[in-house]
């Protein structure tokens, strides 16, 4: 593998850092280090998701629960405010759960290719199938952010590097399986729901990346379709 290709893989494959989200919450807004007293526009939805009393009014306990969720999934600012980004992550989680064990119900991922890794950008899910038989997944993934979208279409795994490390950012990219230039499956040490997304790679938990590593081989096909929300 030439140095030019390797550098391209590194540059595009690094998981994106979360950009700060500026939210106007009005006078008395708490900073990330404290807790917001403001009722957010998605208060009721967020309360329901977290199993809180659904009254549509911010409380100290509500704020702590929302803040804990935001911290876990690298949503900034993590001030406990029930805003659009926080609800967007929760809504995506709800939609992913509804898929169950039939991610290719609509038949969008090819069933005539034998073993293939499918990536649904719209639902941020991936799975491995063989014909119509589901072999692994579906699992949540984190794909490219706006301006660095994971490219759609039929591709093939062309390079695998189990201990890949970025020479540009010095960030580990374990279990990398490259399928389109610098875009690859690989594990990340942050939440796969952390906004806004990667620089094009398909980020996975370590457990899922290890499983993909054990199941896929060089030359196996990958099909990416749909459109990630916000891109």
C-alpha atoms as a PDB file:
ATOM      1  CA  UNK A   1       0.000   0.000   0.000  1.00  0.00           C
ATOM      2  CA  UNK A   2       1.569   3.283  -1.137  1.00  0.00           C
ATOM      3  CA  UNK A   3       2.122   6.203   1.192  1.00  0.00           C
ATOM      4  CA  UNK A   4      -0.283   8.394  -0.790  1.00  0.00           C
ATOM      5  CA  UNK A   5      -3.148   5.951  -0.353  1.00  0.00           C
ATOM      6  CA  UNK A   6      -2.266   5.396   3.283  1.00  0.00           C
ATOM      7  CA  UNK A   7      -2.329   9.135   3.982  1.00  0.00           C
ATOM      8  CA  UNK A   8      -5.655   9.442   2.202  1.00  0.00           C
ATOM      9  CA  UNK A   9      -7.085   6.636   4.292  1.00  0.00           C
ATOM     10  CA  UNK A  10      -5.927   8.267   7.461  1.00  0.00           C
ATOM     11  CA  UNK A  11      -7.202  11.717   6.559  1.00  0.00           C
ATOM     12  CA  UNK A  12     -10.698  10.564   5.640  1.00  0.00           C
ATOM     13  CA  UNK A  13     -11.093   7.797   8.168  1.00  0.00           C
ATOM     14  CA  UNK A  14     -10.586   9.606  11.436  1.00  0.00           C
ATOM     15  CA  UNK A  15     -13.654   9.869  13.595  1.00  0.00           C
ATOM     16  CA  UNK A  16     -14.806  13.477  13.812  1.00  0.00           C
ATOM     17  CA  UNK A  17     -14.597  15.453  16.972  1.00  0.00           C
ATOM     18  CA  UNK A  18     -17.854  16.892  18.178  1.00  0.00           C
ATOM     19  CA  UNK A  19     -18.295  20.515  17.257  1.00  0.00           C
ATOM     20  CA  UNK A  20     -19.716  22.766  19.952  1.00  0.00           C
ATOM     21  CA  UNK A  21     -23.372  23.511  19.469  1.00  0.00           C
ATOM     22  CA  UNK A  22     -24.450  27.053  20.141  1.00  0.00           C
ATOM     23  CA  UNK A  23     -27.958  27.165  21.555  1.00  0.00           C
ATOM     24  CA  UNK A  24     -29.654  30.355  22.601  1.00  0.00           C
ATOM     25  CA  UNK A  25     -31.407  29.440  25.811  1.00  0.00           C
ATOM     26  CA  UNK A  26     -32.139  32.926  27.058  1.00  0.00           C
ATOM     27  CA  UNK A  27     -31.094  34.773  30.161  1.00  0.00           C
ATOM     28  CA  UNK A  28     -29.763  32.676  32.992  1.00  0.00           C
ATOM     29  CA  UNK A  29     -28.593  29.848  30.755  1.00  0.00           C
ATOM     30  CA  UNK A  30     -26.183  27.516  32.527  1.00  0.00           C
ATOM     31  CA  UNK A  31     -22.849  26.672  31.000  1.00  0.00           C
ATOM     32  CA  UNK A  32     -21.795  23.085  30.262  1.00  0.00           C
ATOM     33  CA  UNK A  33     -20.260  22.734  33.701  1.00  0.00           C
ATOM     34  CA  UNK A  34     -23.614  23.348  35.407  1.00  0.00           C
ATOM     35  CA  UNK A  35     -27.255  22.516  34.707  1.00  0.00           C
ATOM     36  CA  UNK A  36     -29.768  24.467  32.629  1.00  0.00           C
ATOM     37  CA  UNK A  37     -32.985  25.580  34.288  1.00  0.00           C
ATOM     38  CA  UNK A  38     -34.582  26.222  30.901  1.00  0.00           C
ATOM     39  CA  UNK A  39     -37.333  24.033  29.453  1.00  0.00           C
ATOM     40  CA  UNK A  40     -36.232  22.825  26.039  1.00  0.00           C
ATOM     41  CA  UNK A  41     -38.325  22.572  22.858  1.00  0.00           C
ATOM     42  CA  UNK A  42     -38.161  18.770  23.035  1.00  0.00           C
ATOM     43  CA  UNK A  43     -38.731  18.526  26.783  1.00  0.00           C
ATOM     44  CA  UNK A  44     -41.621  16.053  26.708  1.00  0.00           C
ATOM     45  CA  UNK A  45     -40.025  13.772  24.116  1.00  0.00           C
ATOM     46  CA  UNK A  46     -36.744  13.704  26.037  1.00  0.00           C
ATOM     47  CA  UNK A  47     -38.499  13.078  29.339  1.00  0.00           C
ATOM     48  CA  UNK A  48     -40.384  10.127  27.848  1.00  0.00           C
ATOM     49  CA  UNK A  49     -37.237   8.649  26.327  1.00  0.00           C
ATOM     50  CA  UNK A  50     -35.406   8.831  29.654  1.00  0.00           C
ATOM     51  CA  UNK A  51     -38.327   7.465  31.652  1.00  0.00           C
ATOM     52  CA  UNK A  52     -38.853  10.728  33.487  1.00  0.00           C
ATOM     53  CA  UNK A  53     -42.274  12.128  34.507  1.00  0.00           C
ATOM     54  CA  UNK A  54     -43.616  13.671  31.300  1.00  0.00           C
ATOM     55  CA  UNK A  55     -44.789  17.129  32.314  1.00  0.00           C
ATOM     56  CA  UNK A  56     -42.910  19.248  29.798  1.00  0.00           C
ATOM     57  CA  UNK A  57     -41.211  21.273  32.514  1.00  0.00           C
ATOM     58  CA  UNK A  58     -37.530  21.248  33.311  1.00  0.00           C
ATOM     59  CA  UNK A  59     -36.625  20.116  36.824  1.00  0.00           C
ATOM     60  CA  UNK A  60     -33.296  19.573  38.544  1.00  0.00           C
ATOM     61  CA  UNK A  61     -33.734  15.814  38.194  1.00  0.00           C
ATOM     62  CA  UNK A  62     -34.658  16.163  34.517  1.00  0.00           C
ATOM     63  CA  UNK A  63     -31.564  18.221  33.917  1.00  0.00           C
ATOM     64  CA  UNK A  64     -29.283  15.693  35.588  1.00  0.00           C
ATOM     65  CA  UNK A  65     -30.755  12.842  33.529  1.00  0.00           C
ATOM     66  CA  UNK A  66     -30.423  14.764  30.264  1.00  0.00           C
ATOM     67  CA  UNK A  67     -26.924  15.911  31.173  1.00  0.00           C
ATOM     68  CA  UNK A  68     -25.842  12.324  31.874  1.00  0.00           C
ATOM     69  CA  UNK A  69     -27.156  11.238  28.451  1.00  0.00           C
ATOM     70  CA  UNK A  70     -25.399  14.135  26.733  1.00  0.00           C
ATOM     71  CA  UNK A  71     -22.125  13.382  28.492  1.00  0.00           C
ATOM     72  CA  UNK A  72     -22.296   9.684  27.570  1.00  0.00           C
ATOM     73  CA  UNK A  73     -22.810  10.477  23.899  1.00  0.00           C
ATOM     74  CA  UNK A  74     -20.510  13.514  23.607  1.00  0.00           C
ATOM     75  CA  UNK A  75     -23.339  15.971  22.926  1.00  0.00           C
ATOM     76  CA  UNK A  76     -22.192  19.529  23.601  1.00  0.00           C
ATOM     77  CA  UNK A  77     -22.919  21.625  25.487  1.00  0.00           C
ATOM     78  CA  UNK A  78     -23.820  18.980  28.075  1.00  0.00           C
ATOM     79  CA  UNK A  79     -25.909  21.372  30.154  1.00  0.00           C
ATOM     80  CA  UNK A  80     -29.043  19.219  30.416  1.00  0.00           C
ATOM     81  CA  UNK A  81     -31.035  21.272  27.904  1.00  0.00           C
ATOM     82  CA  UNK A  82     -33.570  19.284  25.843  1.00  0.00           C
ATOM     83  CA  UNK A  83     -32.637  20.683  22.455  1.00  0.00           C
ATOM     84  CA  UNK A  84     -32.777  19.474  18.856  1.00  0.00           C
ATOM     85  CA  UNK A  85     -29.439  17.639  18.816  1.00  0.00           C
ATOM     86  CA  UNK A  86     -30.186  15.670  21.982  1.00  0.00           C
ATOM     87  CA  UNK A  87     -33.637  14.687  20.758  1.00  0.00           C
ATOM     88  CA  UNK A  88     -32.218  13.861  17.323  1.00  0.00           C
ATOM     89  CA  UNK A  89     -29.910  11.251  18.865  1.00  0.00           C
ATOM     90  CA  UNK A  90     -32.739   9.780  20.928  1.00  0.00           C
ATOM     91  CA  UNK A  91     -35.104   9.703  17.953  1.00  0.00           C
ATOM     92  CA  UNK A  92     -32.485   7.860  15.897  1.00  0.00           C
ATOM     93  CA  UNK A  93     -32.079   5.301  18.677  1.00  0.00           C
ATOM     94  CA  UNK A  94     -35.845   4.737  18.696  1.00  0.00           C
ATOM     95  CA  UNK A  95     -35.899   4.216  14.929  1.00  0.00           C
ATOM     96  CA  UNK A  96     -32.971   1.788  15.104  1.00  0.00           C
ATOM     97  CA  UNK A  97     -34.756  -0.303  17.741  1.00  0.00           C
ATOM     98  CA  UNK A  98     -37.852  -0.588  15.549  1.00  0.00           C
ATOM     99  CA  UNK A  99     -35.847  -2.274  12.789  1.00  0.00           C
ATOM    100  CA  UNK A 100     -35.465  -5.446  14.848  1.00  0.00           C
ATOM    101  CA  UNK A 101     -33.861  -8.416  13.076  1.00  0.00           C
ATOM    102  CA  UNK A 102     -34.987  -7.537   9.560  1.00  0.00           C
ATOM    103  CA  UNK A 103     -32.805  -4.581   8.494  1.00  0.00           C
ATOM    104  CA  UNK A 104     -33.140  -5.360   4.786  1.00  0.00           C
ATOM    105  CA  UNK A 105     -36.934  -5.571   4.787  1.00  0.00           C
ATOM    106  CA  UNK A 106     -37.117  -3.124   1.873  1.00  0.00           C
ATOM    107  CA  UNK A 107     -34.564  -5.157  -0.091  1.00  0.00           C
ATOM    108  CA  UNK A 108     -32.276  -2.202  -0.755  1.00  0.00           C
ATOM    109  CA  UNK A 109     -29.054  -4.089   0.005  1.00  0.00           C
ATOM    110  CA  UNK A 110     -28.298  -6.646  -2.769  1.00  0.00           C
ATOM    111  CA  UNK A 111     -29.226 -10.254  -1.990  1.00  0.00           C
ATOM    112  CA  UNK A 112     -27.531 -11.738  -5.060  1.00  0.00           C
ATOM    113  CA  UNK A 113     -23.940 -11.023  -4.032  1.00  0.00           C
ATOM    114  CA  UNK A 114     -23.335 -13.700  -1.433  1.00  0.00           C
ATOM    115  CA  UNK A 115     -21.655 -12.344   1.693  1.00  0.00           C
ATOM    116  CA  UNK A 116     -21.922  -8.569   1.809  1.00  0.00           C
ATOM    117  CA  UNK A 117     -21.695  -5.821   4.432  1.00  0.00           C
ATOM    118  CA  UNK A 118     -24.604  -3.393   4.212  1.00  0.00           C
ATOM    119  CA  UNK A 119     -24.627   0.200   5.498  1.00  0.00           C
ATOM    120  CA  UNK A 120     -27.904   2.111   5.814  1.00  0.00           C
ATOM    121  CA  UNK A 121     -26.924   5.761   6.174  1.00  0.00           C
ATOM    122  CA  UNK A 122     -30.480   6.911   6.882  1.00  0.00           C
ATOM    123  CA  UNK A 123     -30.837   4.733   9.975  1.00  0.00           C
ATOM    124  CA  UNK A 124     -27.100   4.602  10.784  1.00  0.00           C
ATOM    125  CA  UNK A 125     -27.149   0.815  10.833  1.00  0.00           C
ATOM    126  CA  UNK A 126     -24.905  -1.864   9.384  1.00  0.00           C
ATOM    127  CA  UNK A 127     -25.125  -5.633   9.090  1.00  0.00           C
ATOM    128  CA  UNK A 128     -23.617  -8.589   7.260  1.00  0.00           C
ATOM    129  CA  UNK A 129     -25.822 -10.835   5.157  1.00  0.00           C
ATOM    130  CA  UNK A 130     -25.352 -13.780   2.829  1.00  0.00           C
ATOM    131  CA  UNK A 131     -28.050 -13.711   0.195  1.00  0.00           C
ATOM    132  CA  UNK A 132     -31.245 -13.139   2.158  1.00  0.00           C
ATOM    133  CA  UNK A 133     -29.811 -14.615   5.360  1.00  0.00           C
ATOM    134  CA  UNK A 134     -28.762 -12.203   8.107  1.00  0.00           C
ATOM    135  CA  UNK A 135     -25.375 -13.226   9.492  1.00  0.00           C
ATOM    136  CA  UNK A 136     -24.624 -10.408  11.946  1.00  0.00           C
ATOM    137  CA  UNK A 137     -26.336  -7.269  13.158  1.00  0.00           C
ATOM    138  CA  UNK A 138     -27.894  -4.884  12.600  1.00  0.00           C
ATOM    139  CA  UNK A 139     -25.563  -2.708  14.673  1.00  0.00           C
ATOM    140  CA  UNK A 140     -25.482   1.078  15.151  1.00  0.00           C
ATOM    141  CA  UNK A 141     -22.722   2.904  13.304  1.00  0.00           C
ATOM    142  CA  UNK A 142     -21.438   6.453  12.978  1.00  0.00           C
ATOM    143  CA  UNK A 143     -20.876   7.594   9.399  1.00  0.00           C
ATOM    144  CA  UNK A 144     -19.599  10.762   7.735  1.00  0.00           C
ATOM    145  CA  UNK A 145     -20.727  14.188   8.838  1.00  0.00           C
ATOM    146  CA  UNK A 146     -21.952  16.943   6.518  1.00  0.00           C
ATOM    147  CA  UNK A 147     -19.199  17.722   4.025  1.00  0.00           C
ATOM    148  CA  UNK A 148     -17.463  14.378   4.684  1.00  0.00           C
ATOM    149  CA  UNK A 149     -20.275  11.989   3.771  1.00  0.00           C
ATOM    150  CA  UNK A 150     -19.697   8.265   3.523  1.00  0.00           C
ATOM    151  CA  UNK A 151     -19.978   7.633  -0.203  1.00  0.00           C
ATOM    152  CA  UNK A 152     -22.845   5.471  -1.435  1.00  0.00           C
ATOM    153  CA  UNK A 153     -22.714   2.572  -3.865  1.00  0.00           C
ATOM    154  CA  UNK A 154     -21.274  -0.912  -4.247  1.00  0.00           C
ATOM    155  CA  UNK A 155     -17.657  -1.279  -3.106  1.00  0.00           C
ATOM    156  CA  UNK A 156     -15.174  -3.960  -2.028  1.00  0.00           C
ATOM    157  CA  UNK A 157     -12.888  -4.373   0.959  1.00  0.00           C
ATOM    158  CA  UNK A 158      -9.441  -3.754  -0.524  1.00  0.00           C
ATOM    159  CA  UNK A 159      -7.158  -3.244   2.492  1.00  0.00           C
ATOM    160  CA  UNK A 160      -7.259  -4.450   6.094  1.00  0.00           C
ATOM    161  CA  UNK A 161      -5.055  -3.136   8.897  1.00  0.00           C
ATOM    162  CA  UNK A 162      -5.855  -4.391  12.387  1.00  0.00           C
ATOM    163  CA  UNK A 163      -3.603  -1.884  14.178  1.00  0.00           C
ATOM    164  CA  UNK A 164      -4.019   1.145  11.943  1.00  0.00           C
ATOM    165  CA  UNK A 165      -2.970   4.472  13.483  1.00  0.00           C
ATOM    166  CA  UNK A 166      -3.397   7.914  11.971  1.00  0.00           C
ATOM    167  CA  UNK A 167      -0.059   9.528  11.184  1.00  0.00           C
ATOM    168  CA  UNK A 168      -1.824  12.909  10.905  1.00  0.00           C
ATOM    169  CA  UNK A 169      -3.808  12.905  14.137  1.00  0.00           C
ATOM    170  CA  UNK A 170      -2.088  10.084  16.029  1.00  0.00           C
ATOM    171  CA  UNK A 171      -5.482   8.491  16.639  1.00  0.00           C
ATOM    172  CA  UNK A 172      -5.843   4.685  16.724  1.00  0.00           C
ATOM    173  CA  UNK A 173      -8.197   3.187  14.122  1.00  0.00           C
ATOM    174  CA  UNK A 174      -8.298  -0.478  15.198  1.00  0.00           C
ATOM    175  CA  UNK A 175      -9.680  -3.199  12.935  1.00  0.00           C
ATOM    176  CA  UNK A 176      -9.682  -0.952   9.871  1.00  0.00           C
ATOM    177  CA  UNK A 177     -11.188  -2.458   6.733  1.00  0.00           C
ATOM    178  CA  UNK A 178     -10.971   0.019   3.862  1.00  0.00           C
ATOM    179  CA  UNK A 179     -13.577  -0.227   1.107  1.00  0.00           C
ATOM    180  CA  UNK A 180     -13.562   3.151  -0.705  1.00  0.00           C
ATOM    181  CA  UNK A 181     -10.373   5.213  -0.781  1.00  0.00           C
ATOM    182  CA  UNK A 182      -9.848   6.339   2.795  1.00  0.00           C
ATOM    183  CA  UNK A 183     -13.261   5.188   4.025  1.00  0.00           C
ATOM    184  CA  UNK A 184     -13.292   2.131   6.248  1.00  0.00           C
ATOM    185  CA  UNK A 185     -15.033   0.178   8.950  1.00  0.00           C
ATOM    186  CA  UNK A 186     -13.138   0.626  12.228  1.00  0.00           C
ATOM    187  CA  UNK A 187     -13.726   0.820  15.953  1.00  0.00           C
ATOM    188  CA  UNK A 188     -13.788   4.058  17.952  1.00  0.00           C
ATOM    189  CA  UNK A 189     -13.404   4.816  21.628  1.00  0.00           C
ATOM    190  CA  UNK A 190     -16.382   7.176  21.742  1.00  0.00           C
ATOM    191  CA  UNK A 191     -20.123   6.696  21.402  1.00  0.00           C
ATOM    192  CA  UNK A 192     -21.257   5.674  17.927  1.00  0.00           C
ATOM    193  CA  UNK A 193     -24.131   8.141  18.405  1.00  0.00           C
ATOM    194  CA  UNK A 194     -21.843  11.121  19.043  1.00  0.00           C
ATOM    195  CA  UNK A 195     -22.712  13.978  16.663  1.00  0.00           C
ATOM    196  CA  UNK A 196     -21.943  15.232  14.117  1.00  0.00           C
ATOM    197  CA  UNK A 197     -20.177  12.149  12.657  1.00  0.00           C
ATOM    198  CA  UNK A 198     -16.916  10.855  11.220  1.00  0.00           C
ATOM    199  CA  UNK A 199     -14.816  12.129   8.332  1.00  0.00           C
ATOM    200  CA  UNK A 200     -16.275   9.420   6.102  1.00  0.00           C
ATOM    201  CA  UNK A 201     -15.453   6.180   7.870  1.00  0.00           C
ATOM    202  CA  UNK A 202     -18.036   3.827   9.329  1.00  0.00           C
ATOM    203  CA  UNK A 203     -17.321   3.973  13.062  1.00  0.00           C
ATOM    204  CA  UNK A 204     -18.280   0.968  15.189  1.00  0.00           C
ATOM    205  CA  UNK A 205     -18.000  -0.281  18.744  1.00  0.00           C
ATOM    206  CA  UNK A 206     -14.980  -2.488  19.373  1.00  0.00           C
ATOM    207  CA  UNK A 207     -17.192  -5.560  19.737  1.00  0.00           C
ATOM    208  CA  UNK A 208     -18.802  -4.999  16.352  1.00  0.00           C
ATOM    209  CA  UNK A 209     -15.548  -4.035  14.621  1.00  0.00           C
ATOM    210  CA  UNK A 210     -13.914  -7.231  15.909  1.00  0.00           C
ATOM    211  CA  UNK A 211     -16.831  -9.288  14.595  1.00  0.00           C
ATOM    212  CA  UNK A 212     -16.662  -7.585  11.197  1.00  0.00           C
ATOM    213  CA  UNK A 213     -12.918  -8.253  11.141  1.00  0.00           C
ATOM    214  CA  UNK A 214     -13.523 -11.958  11.752  1.00  0.00           C
ATOM    215  CA  UNK A 215     -16.303 -12.252   9.170  1.00  0.00           C
ATOM    216  CA  UNK A 216     -15.110 -10.120   6.255  1.00  0.00           C
ATOM    217  CA  UNK A 217     -12.171 -10.736   3.941  1.00  0.00           C
ATOM    218  CA  UNK A 218     -10.357  -8.751   1.276  1.00  0.00           C
ATOM    219  CA  UNK A 219     -12.570  -8.701  -1.805  1.00  0.00           C
ATOM    220  CA  UNK A 220     -15.864  -8.940   0.085  1.00  0.00           C
ATOM    221  CA  UNK A 221     -18.444  -6.454  -1.099  1.00  0.00           C
ATOM    222  CA  UNK A 222     -19.865  -3.506   0.803  1.00  0.00           C
ATOM    223  CA  UNK A 223     -23.041  -1.676  -0.147  1.00  0.00           C
ATOM    224  CA  UNK A 224     -23.737   1.806   1.203  1.00  0.00           C
ATOM    225  CA  UNK A 225     -27.086   3.490   0.615  1.00  0.00           C
ATOM    226  CA  UNK A 226     -29.428   6.153   1.982  1.00  0.00           C
ATOM    227  CA  UNK A 227     -28.589   9.545   3.413  1.00  0.00           C
ATOM    228  CA  UNK A 228     -27.494  10.417   6.913  1.00  0.00           C
ATOM    229  CA  UNK A 229     -29.794  12.920   8.672  1.00  0.00           C
ATOM    230  CA  UNK A 230     -28.247  16.381   8.597  1.00  0.00           C
ATOM    231  CA  UNK A 231     -26.130  15.796   5.480  1.00  0.00           C
END
